[in-house]
PDB file of all heavy atoms in Angstrom:
ATOM      1  N   ILE A   1      70.231 102.240  94.231  1.00  0.00           N
ATOM      2  CA  ILE A   1      70.549 103.308  95.158  1.00  0.00           C
ATOM      3  C   ILE A   1      72.033 103.565  95.130  1.00  0.00           C
ATOM      4  O   ILE A   1      72.797 102.725  95.562  1.00  0.00           O
ATOM      5  CB  ILE A   1      70.128 102.926  96.559  1.00  0.00           C
ATOM      6  CG1 ILE A   1      68.546 102.656  96.656  1.00  0.00           C
ATOM      7  CG2 ILE A   1      70.353 104.101  97.529  1.00  0.00           C
ATOM      8  CD1 ILE A   1      68.029 102.171  97.987  1.00  0.00           C
ATOM      9  N   PRO A   2      72.435 104.762  94.667  1.00  0.00           N
ATOM     10  CA  PRO A   2      73.852 105.049  94.621  1.00  0.00           C
ATOM     11  C   PRO A   2      74.409 105.039  95.980  1.00  0.00           C
ATOM     12  O   PRO A   2      73.735 105.334  97.005  1.00  0.00           O
ATOM     13  CB  PRO A   2      73.906 106.410  93.954  1.00  0.00           C
ATOM     14  CG  PRO A   2      72.605 106.551  93.227  1.00  0.00           C
ATOM     15  CD  PRO A   2      71.616 105.767  94.062  1.00  0.00           C
ATOM     16  N   ILE A   3      75.716 104.750  96.169  1.00  0.00           N
ATOM     17  CA  ILE A   3      76.359 104.803  97.438  1.00  0.00           C
ATOM     18  C   ILE A   3      76.579 106.176  97.975  1.00  0.00           C
ATOM     19  O   ILE A   3      76.386 106.561  99.097  1.00  0.00           O
ATOM     20  CB  ILE A   3      77.720 103.991  97.394  1.00  0.00           C
ATOM     21  CG1 ILE A   3      77.397 102.496  97.126  1.00  0.00           C
ATOM     22  CG2 ILE A   3      78.515 104.224  98.599  1.00  0.00           C
ATOM     23  CD1 ILE A   3      78.672 101.722  96.850  1.00  0.00           C
ATOM     24  N   ASP A   4      77.040 107.150  97.042  1.00  0.00           N
ATOM     25  CA  ASP A   4      77.245 108.505  97.288  1.00  0.00           C
ATOM     26  C   ASP A   4      77.275 109.316  96.063  1.00  0.00           C
ATOM     27  O   ASP A   4      78.337 109.388  95.347  1.00  0.00           O
ATOM     28  CB  ASP A   4      78.559 108.725  98.065  1.00  0.00           C
ATOM     29  CG  ASP A   4      78.779 110.088  98.587  1.00  0.00           C
ATOM     30  OD1 ASP A   4      77.991 111.003  98.160  1.00  0.00           O
ATOM     31  OD2 ASP A   4      79.771 110.358  99.256  1.00  0.00           O
ATOM     32  N   PRO A   5      76.160 109.918  95.722  1.00  0.00           N
ATOM     33  CA  PRO A   5      76.064 110.618  94.408  1.00  0.00           C
ATOM     34  C   PRO A   5      76.998 111.863  94.336  1.00  0.00           C
ATOM     35  O   PRO A   5      77.366 112.306  93.258  1.00  0.00           O
ATOM     36  CB  PRO A   5      74.619 111.084  94.302  1.00  0.00           C
ATOM     37  CG  PRO A   5      73.926 110.182  95.336  1.00  0.00           C
ATOM     38  CD  PRO A   5      74.922 109.833  96.382  1.00  0.00           C
ATOM     39  N   ASP A   6      77.466 112.352  95.442  1.00  0.00           N
ATOM     40  CA  ASP A   6      78.272 113.490  95.418  1.00  0.00           C
ATOM     41  C   ASP A   6      79.867 113.201  95.622  1.00  0.00           C
ATOM     42  O   ASP A   6      80.614 114.112  95.763  1.00  0.00           O
ATOM     43  CB  ASP A   6      77.940 114.476  96.605  1.00  0.00           C
ATOM     44  CG  ASP A   6      76.500 114.951  96.495  1.00  0.00           C
ATOM     45  OD1 ASP A   6      76.041 115.234  95.311  1.00  0.00           O
ATOM     46  OD2 ASP A   6      75.782 114.966  97.453  1.00  0.00           O
ATOM     47  N   TRP A   7      80.196 111.871  95.559  1.00  0.00           N
ATOM     48  CA  TRP A   7      81.550 111.541  95.818  1.00  0.00           C
ATOM     49  C   TRP A   7      82.493 111.983  94.690  1.00  0.00           C
ATOM     50  O   TRP A   7      82.120 112.063  93.513  1.00  0.00           O
ATOM     51  CB  TRP A   7      81.684 110.026  95.934  1.00  0.00           C
ATOM     52  CG  TRP A   7      82.976 109.508  96.270  1.00  0.00           C
ATOM     53  CD1 TRP A   7      83.485 109.378  97.589  1.00  0.00           C
ATOM     54  CD2 TRP A   7      83.976 109.065  95.472  1.00  0.00           C
ATOM     55  NE1 TRP A   7      84.742 108.840  97.530  1.00  0.00           N
ATOM     56  CE2 TRP A   7      85.096 108.623  96.245  1.00  0.00           C
ATOM     57  CE3 TRP A   7      84.082 108.845  94.084  1.00  0.00           C
ATOM     58  CZ2 TRP A   7      86.294 108.060  95.722  1.00  0.00           C
ATOM     59  CZ3 TRP A   7      85.195 108.343  93.506  1.00  0.00           C
ATOM     60  CH2 TRP A   7      86.282 107.890  94.399  1.00  0.00           C
ATOM     61  N   GLN A   8      83.793 112.344  95.072  1.00  0.00           N
ATOM     62  CA  GLN A   8      84.710 112.745  94.092  1.00  0.00           C
ATOM     63  C   GLN A   8      85.948 112.003  94.350  1.00  0.00           C
ATOM     64  O   GLN A   8      86.254 111.638  95.507  1.00  0.00           O
ATOM     65  CB  GLN A   8      85.022 114.287  94.117  1.00  0.00           C
ATOM     66  CG  GLN A   8      83.814 115.122  93.760  1.00  0.00           C
ATOM     67  CD  GLN A   8      84.163 116.573  93.796  1.00  0.00           C
ATOM     68  OE1 GLN A   8      85.235 117.021  94.192  1.00  0.00           O
ATOM     69  NE2 GLN A   8      83.241 117.458  93.297  1.00  0.00           N
ATOM     70  N   ILE A   9      86.733 111.720  93.260  1.00  0.00           N
ATOM     71  CA  ILE A   9      88.014 110.992  93.472  1.00  0.00           C
ATOM     72  C   ILE A   9      88.930 111.849  94.381  1.00  0.00           C
ATOM     73  O   ILE A   9      89.216 113.007  94.002  1.00  0.00           O
ATOM     74  CB  ILE A   9      88.706 110.717  92.088  1.00  0.00           C
ATOM     75  CG1 ILE A   9      87.832 109.799  91.223  1.00  0.00           C
ATOM     76  CG2 ILE A   9      90.036 110.138  92.243  1.00  0.00           C
ATOM     77  CD1 ILE A   9      88.369 109.608  89.885  1.00  0.00           C
ATOM     78  N   PRO A  10      89.453 111.338  95.516  1.00  0.00           N
ATOM     79  CA  PRO A  10      90.326 112.028  96.314  1.00  0.00           C
ATOM     80  C   PRO A  10      91.668 112.383  95.615  1.00  0.00           C
ATOM     81  O   PRO A  10      92.262 111.564  94.927  1.00  0.00           O
ATOM     82  CB  PRO A  10      90.587 111.147  97.449  1.00  0.00           C
ATOM     83  CG  PRO A  10      90.352 109.734  97.016  1.00  0.00           C
ATOM     84  CD  PRO A  10      89.216 109.921  95.962  1.00  0.00           C
ATOM     85  N   ALA A  11      92.161 113.683  95.736  1.00  0.00           N
ATOM     86  CA  ALA A  11      93.292 114.096  95.030  1.00  0.00           C
ATOM     87  C   ALA A  11      94.563 113.629  95.861  1.00  0.00           C
ATOM     88  O   ALA A  11      94.415 113.454  97.118  1.00  0.00           O
ATOM     89  CB  ALA A  11      93.419 115.589  94.889  1.00  0.00           C
ATOM     90  N   SER A  12      95.690 113.451  95.145  1.00  0.00           N
ATOM     91  CA  SER A  12      96.893 113.095  95.866  1.00  0.00           C
ATOM     92  C   SER A  12      97.272 114.253  96.814  1.00  0.00           C
ATOM     93  O   SER A  12      97.159 115.439  96.572  1.00  0.00           O
ATOM     94  CB  SER A  12      97.992 112.898  94.848  1.00  0.00           C
ATOM     95  OG  SER A  12      99.285 112.738  95.586  1.00  0.00           O
ATOM     96  N   ASP A  13      97.817 113.832  98.044  1.00  0.00           N
ATOM     97  CA  ASP A  13      98.183 114.808  99.036  1.00  0.00           C
ATOM     98  C   ASP A  13      99.648 115.278  98.871  1.00  0.00           C
ATOM     99  O   ASP A  13     100.171 116.040  99.672  1.00  0.00           O
ATOM    100  CB  ASP A  13      97.911 114.426 100.435  1.00  0.00           C
ATOM    101  CG  ASP A  13      98.679 113.038 100.748  1.00  0.00           C
ATOM    102  OD1 ASP A  13      99.463 112.667  99.898  1.00  0.00           O
ATOM    103  OD2 ASP A  13      98.476 112.447 101.826  1.00  0.00           O
ATOM    104  N   GLY A  14     100.252 114.783  97.790  1.00  0.00           N
ATOM    105  CA  GLY A  14     101.662 115.269  97.462  1.00  0.00           C
ATOM    106  C   GLY A  14     102.730 114.669  98.465  1.00  0.00           C
ATOM    107  O   GLY A  14     103.783 115.241  98.672  1.00  0.00           O
ATOM    108  N   GLN A  15     102.413 113.584  99.089  1.00  0.00           N
ATOM    109  CA  GLN A  15     103.353 113.038 100.021  1.00  0.00           C
ATOM    110  C   GLN A  15     104.637 112.616  99.306  1.00  0.00           C
ATOM    111  O   GLN A  15     104.557 112.062  98.202  1.00  0.00           O
ATOM    112  CB  GLN A  15     102.797 111.876 100.767  1.00  0.00           C
ATOM    113  CG  GLN A  15     101.619 112.090 101.688  1.00  0.00           C
ATOM    114  CD  GLN A  15     101.120 110.944 102.462  1.00  0.00           C
ATOM    115  OE1 GLN A  15     101.549 110.815 103.631  1.00  0.00           O
ATOM    116  NE2 GLN A  15     100.400 110.066 101.857  1.00  0.00           N
ATOM    117  N   SER A  16     105.799 112.793  99.900  1.00  0.00           N
ATOM    118  CA  SER A  16     107.016 112.374  99.319  1.00  0.00           C
ATOM    119  C   SER A  16     107.118 110.862  99.510  1.00  0.00           C
ATOM    120  O   SER A  16     106.546 110.173 100.275  1.00  0.00           O
ATOM    121  CB  SER A  16     108.166 113.022  99.916  1.00  0.00           C
ATOM    122  OG  SER A  16     108.239 112.789 101.325  1.00  0.00           O
ATOM    123  N   GLN A  17     108.116 110.215  98.644  1.00  0.00           N
ATOM    124  CA  GLN A  17     108.321 108.844  98.755  1.00  0.00           C
ATOM    125  C   GLN A  17     108.913 108.511 100.112  1.00  0.00           C
ATOM    126  O   GLN A  17     109.701 109.270 100.710  1.00  0.00           O
ATOM    127  CB  GLN A  17     109.275 108.378  97.680  1.00  0.00           C
ATOM    128  CG  GLN A  17     108.663 108.485  96.313  1.00  0.00           C
ATOM    129  CD  GLN A  17     109.492 107.581  95.330  1.00  0.00           C
ATOM    130  OE1 GLN A  17     110.533 107.117  95.650  1.00  0.00           O
ATOM    131  NE2 GLN A  17     108.895 107.410  94.181  1.00  0.00           N
ATOM    132  N   ALA A  18     108.513 107.313 100.626  1.00  0.00           N
ATOM    133  CA  ALA A  18     108.962 106.904 101.936  1.00  0.00           C
ATOM    134  C   ALA A  18     110.369 106.505 101.894  1.00  0.00           C
ATOM    135  O   ALA A  18     110.945 106.199 100.761  1.00  0.00           O
ATOM    136  CB  ALA A  18     108.031 105.712 102.404  1.00  0.00           C
ATOM    137  N   THR A  19     111.082 106.546 102.969  1.00  0.00           N
ATOM    138  CA  THR A  19     112.483 106.126 103.057  1.00  0.00           C
ATOM    139  C   THR A  19     112.670 104.607 103.161  1.00  0.00           C
ATOM    140  O   THR A  19     113.786 104.182 102.925  1.00  0.00           O
ATOM    141  CB  THR A  19     113.173 106.725 104.224  1.00  0.00           C
ATOM    142  OG1 THR A  19     112.501 106.369 105.391  1.00  0.00           O
ATOM    143  CG2 THR A  19     113.146 108.321 104.083  1.00  0.00           C
ATOM    144  N   SER A  20     111.582 103.858 103.426  1.00  0.00           N
ATOM    145  CA  SER A  20     111.687 102.488 103.561  1.00  0.00           C
ATOM    146  C   SER A  20     110.305 101.812 103.260  1.00  0.00           C
ATOM    147  O   SER A  20     109.282 102.510 103.388  1.00  0.00           O
ATOM    148  CB  SER A  20     112.272 102.053 104.916  1.00  0.00           C
ATOM    149  OG  SER A  20     111.221 102.179 105.889  1.00  0.00           O
ATOM    150  N   ILE A  21     110.318 100.521 102.939  1.00  0.00           N
ATOM    151  CA  ILE A  21     109.042  99.699 102.882  1.00  0.00           C
ATOM    152  C   ILE A  21     108.246  99.760 104.155  1.00  0.00           C
ATOM    153  O   ILE A  21     107.078  99.947 104.064  1.00  0.00           O
ATOM    154  CB  ILE A  21     109.344  98.321 102.424  1.00  0.00           C
ATOM    155  CG1 ILE A  21     110.112  98.259 101.032  1.00  0.00           C
ATOM    156  CG2 ILE A  21     108.037  97.514 102.288  1.00  0.00           C
ATOM    157  CD1 ILE A  21     109.390  98.791  99.916  1.00  0.00           C
ATOM    158  N   ALA A  22     108.947  99.761 105.193  1.00  0.00           N
ATOM    159  CA  ALA A  22     108.237  99.859 106.580  1.00  0.00           C
ATOM    160  C   ALA A  22     107.394 101.151 106.659  1.00  0.00           C
ATOM    161  O   ALA A  22     106.331 101.171 107.270  1.00  0.00           O
ATOM    162  CB  ALA A  22     109.228  99.664 107.704  1.00  0.00           C
ATOM    163  N   ASP A  23     107.894 102.245 106.186  1.00  0.00           N
ATOM    164  CA  ASP A  23     107.249 103.533 106.166  1.00  0.00           C
ATOM    165  C   ASP A  23     105.931 103.457 105.386  1.00  0.00           C
ATOM    166  O   ASP A  23     104.913 103.940 105.788  1.00  0.00           O
ATOM    167  CB  ASP A  23     108.088 104.656 105.655  1.00  0.00           C
ATOM    168  CG  ASP A  23     109.270 104.954 106.580  1.00  0.00           C
ATOM    169  OD1 ASP A  23     109.219 104.639 107.722  1.00  0.00           O
ATOM    170  OD2 ASP A  23     110.271 105.522 106.118  1.00  0.00           O
ATOM    171  N   VAL A  24     106.023 102.789 104.164  1.00  0.00           N
ATOM    172  CA  VAL A  24     104.809 102.628 103.381  1.00  0.00           C
ATOM    173  C   VAL A  24     103.751 101.801 104.064  1.00  0.00           C
ATOM    174  O   VAL A  24     102.572 102.208 104.174  1.00  0.00           O
ATOM    175  CB  VAL A  24     105.214 101.988 102.025  1.00  0.00           C
ATOM    176  CG1 VAL A  24     103.922 101.702 101.192  1.00  0.00           C
ATOM    177  CG2 VAL A  24     106.136 102.942 101.277  1.00  0.00           C
TER     178      VAL A  24
END
Protein backbone atom coordinates (compact mmCIF):
# COMPACT_ATOMS: atom_id res chain seq x y z
CA ILE A 1 0.00 0.00 0.00
CA PRO A 2 1.71 3.21 -1.12
CA ILE A 3 1.91 5.99 1.46
CA ASP A 4 0.77 8.68 -0.99
CA PRO A 5 0.61 7.89 -4.75
CA ASP A 6 0.10 11.57 -5.63
CA TRP A 7 3.03 12.94 -3.62
CA GLN A 8 5.53 15.28 -5.27
CA ILE A 9 8.92 16.51 -4.11
CA PRO A 10 8.35 19.92 -2.46
CA ALA A 11 10.07 22.75 -4.31
CA SER A 12 12.44 25.13 -2.58
CA ASP A 13 10.66 28.25 -1.30
CA GLY A 14 13.65 30.41 -2.19
CA GLN A 15 14.42 31.41 1.38
CA SER A 16 17.59 33.44 1.76
CA GLN A 17 20.46 32.25 3.92
CA ALA A 18 20.01 32.82 7.61
CA THR A 19 22.14 35.40 9.37
CA SER A 20 23.12 32.93 12.11
CA ILE A 21 23.06 29.23 13.03
CA ALA A 22 20.37 30.09 15.58
CA ASP A 23 18.10 31.28 12.75
CA VAL A 24 18.51 27.96 10.94
